[in-house]
């Protein structure tokens, strides 16, 4: 279980599980999410919420994992742009480690 800081003062945190990160990865939820300026604002958070809601409404076969991610993280009452920025950073670090670990396992086989 990971924790991300949800506000600048550090008084709020959101718990993120490895399953949440896998769901983000499986659905490429962060691909093309942030504009070229690199700024993560409330509009980016809204875009993510709309994308996930659309996937849920379309009857995605991975609906349970998406719903869990939505309720626990994306639609969390403490989630703001600051928290999303921290979530993206956590995902990038996790993904780099996950890919490296996967490469090592492939080489060992």
Protein backbone atom coordinates (compact mmCIF):
# COMPACT_ATOMS: atom_id res chain seq x y z
CA UNK A 1 0.00 0.00 0.00
CA UNK A 2 1.27 3.44 -0.93
CA UNK A 3 0.22 6.83 0.36
CA UNK A 4 0.15 10.06 -1.62
CA UNK A 5 -0.06 13.54 -0.20
CA UNK A 6 -3.38 15.08 -1.23
CA UNK A 7 -2.73 18.72 -0.32
CA UNK A 8 0.20 21.11 -0.11
CA UNK A 9 0.16 21.35 3.68
CA UNK A 10 0.44 17.56 4.05
CA UNK A 11 -2.61 17.18 6.27
CA UNK A 12 -4.45 14.85 3.87
CA UNK A 13 -3.33 11.54 2.39
CA UNK A 14 -4.87 9.03 0.01
CA UNK A 15 -4.01 5.33 0.11
CA UNK A 16 -3.18 3.75 -3.25
CA UNK A 17 -2.78 0.01 -3.66
CA UNK A 18 -0.71 -1.89 -6.19
CA UNK A 19 -3.99 -3.05 -7.75
CA UNK A 20 -4.97 0.60 -8.31
CA UNK A 21 -1.64 1.20 -10.06
CA UNK A 22 -2.12 -1.93 -12.17
CA UNK A 23 -5.57 -0.69 -13.20
CA UNK A 24 -4.12 2.68 -14.20
CA UNK A 25 -1.49 0.83 -16.23
CA UNK A 26 -3.92 -1.64 -17.84
CA UNK A 27 -6.14 1.18 -19.09
CA UNK A 28 -3.36 3.70 -19.82
CA UNK A 29 -5.33 6.28 -17.87
CA UNK A 30 -2.47 8.78 -17.77
CA UNK A 31 -1.61 8.57 -21.48
CA UNK A 32 -2.17 11.97 -23.11
CA UNK A 33 -3.82 13.21 -19.93
CA UNK A 34 -1.48 16.11 -19.19
CA UNK A 35 -1.00 18.78 -21.87
CA UNK A 36 2.42 19.62 -23.27
CA UNK A 37 2.82 22.38 -20.70
CA UNK A 38 3.05 19.70 -17.99
CA UNK A 39 0.73 21.50 -15.59
CA UNK A 40 -1.65 19.31 -13.62
CA UNK A 41 -4.68 21.43 -12.77
CA UNK A 42 -8.26 20.80 -11.81
CA UNK A 43 -9.14 20.58 -15.51
CA UNK A 44 -6.79 17.58 -15.85
CA UNK A 45 -8.44 15.91 -12.85
CA UNK A 46 -11.86 16.53 -14.40
CA UNK A 47 -10.65 15.02 -17.69
CA UNK A 48 -9.50 11.89 -15.85
CA UNK A 49 -12.82 11.62 -14.01
CA UNK A 50 -14.76 11.94 -17.28
CA UNK A 51 -12.58 9.30 -18.97
CA UNK A 52 -13.03 6.81 -16.14
CA UNK A 53 -16.75 7.45 -15.87
CA UNK A 54 -17.10 6.91 -19.62
CA UNK A 55 -15.24 3.61 -19.35
CA UNK A 56 -17.48 2.49 -16.50
CA UNK A 57 -20.65 3.45 -18.36
CA UNK A 58 -19.55 1.57 -21.47
CA UNK A 59 -19.61 -1.70 -19.54
CA UNK A 60 -15.87 -2.26 -19.41
CA UNK A 61 -15.05 -5.88 -18.50
CA UNK A 62 -12.58 -4.60 -15.90
CA UNK A 63 -15.38 -2.59 -14.27
CA UNK A 64 -14.80 -3.80 -10.70
CA UNK A 65 -11.16 -2.68 -10.67
CA UNK A 66 -12.06 0.64 -12.31
CA UNK A 67 -14.84 1.19 -9.81
CA UNK A 68 -12.51 0.45 -6.90
CA UNK A 69 -9.95 2.90 -8.32
CA UNK A 70 -12.64 5.52 -8.77
CA UNK A 71 -14.10 5.24 -5.30
CA UNK A 72 -10.83 4.84 -3.43
CA UNK A 73 -8.62 7.30 -5.30
CA UNK A 74 -9.95 9.37 -8.20
CA UNK A 75 -13.28 10.42 -6.65
CA UNK A 76 -11.84 10.49 -3.13
CA UNK A 77 -13.10 13.60 -1.31
CA UNK A 78 -9.50 14.70 -0.72
CA UNK A 79 -8.36 14.31 -4.34
CA UNK A 80 -7.43 17.61 -5.93
CA UNK A 81 -4.94 18.57 -8.65
CA UNK A 82 -2.09 18.44 -6.12
CA UNK A 83 -2.99 14.84 -5.25
CA UNK A 84 -3.27 13.88 -8.91
CA UNK A 85 0.19 15.27 -9.53
CA UNK A 86 1.51 13.10 -6.68
CA UNK A 87 -0.42 10.09 -8.03
CA UNK A 88 1.13 10.54 -11.47
CA UNK A 89 4.59 10.74 -9.88
CA UNK A 90 3.93 7.60 -7.82
CA UNK A 91 2.68 5.79 -10.92
CA UNK A 92 5.78 6.78 -12.92
CA UNK A 93 8.10 5.51 -10.17
CA UNK A 94 6.07 2.33 -9.69
CA UNK A 95 5.89 1.70 -13.44
CA UNK A 96 9.65 2.10 -13.88
CA UNK A 97 10.24 -0.43 -11.07
CA UNK A 98 7.49 -2.74 -12.37
CA UNK A 99 8.93 -2.79 -15.91
CA UNK A 100 12.48 -3.35 -14.60
CA UNK A 101 11.28 -6.22 -12.39
CA UNK A 102 9.41 -7.75 -15.33
CA UNK A 103 12.56 -7.58 -17.49
CA UNK A 104 14.59 -9.32 -14.79
CA UNK A 105 12.02 -12.12 -14.52
CA UNK A 106 12.03 -12.56 -18.30
CA UNK A 107 15.83 -12.84 -18.39
CA UNK A 108 15.83 -15.44 -15.59
CA UNK A 109 13.41 -17.69 -17.48
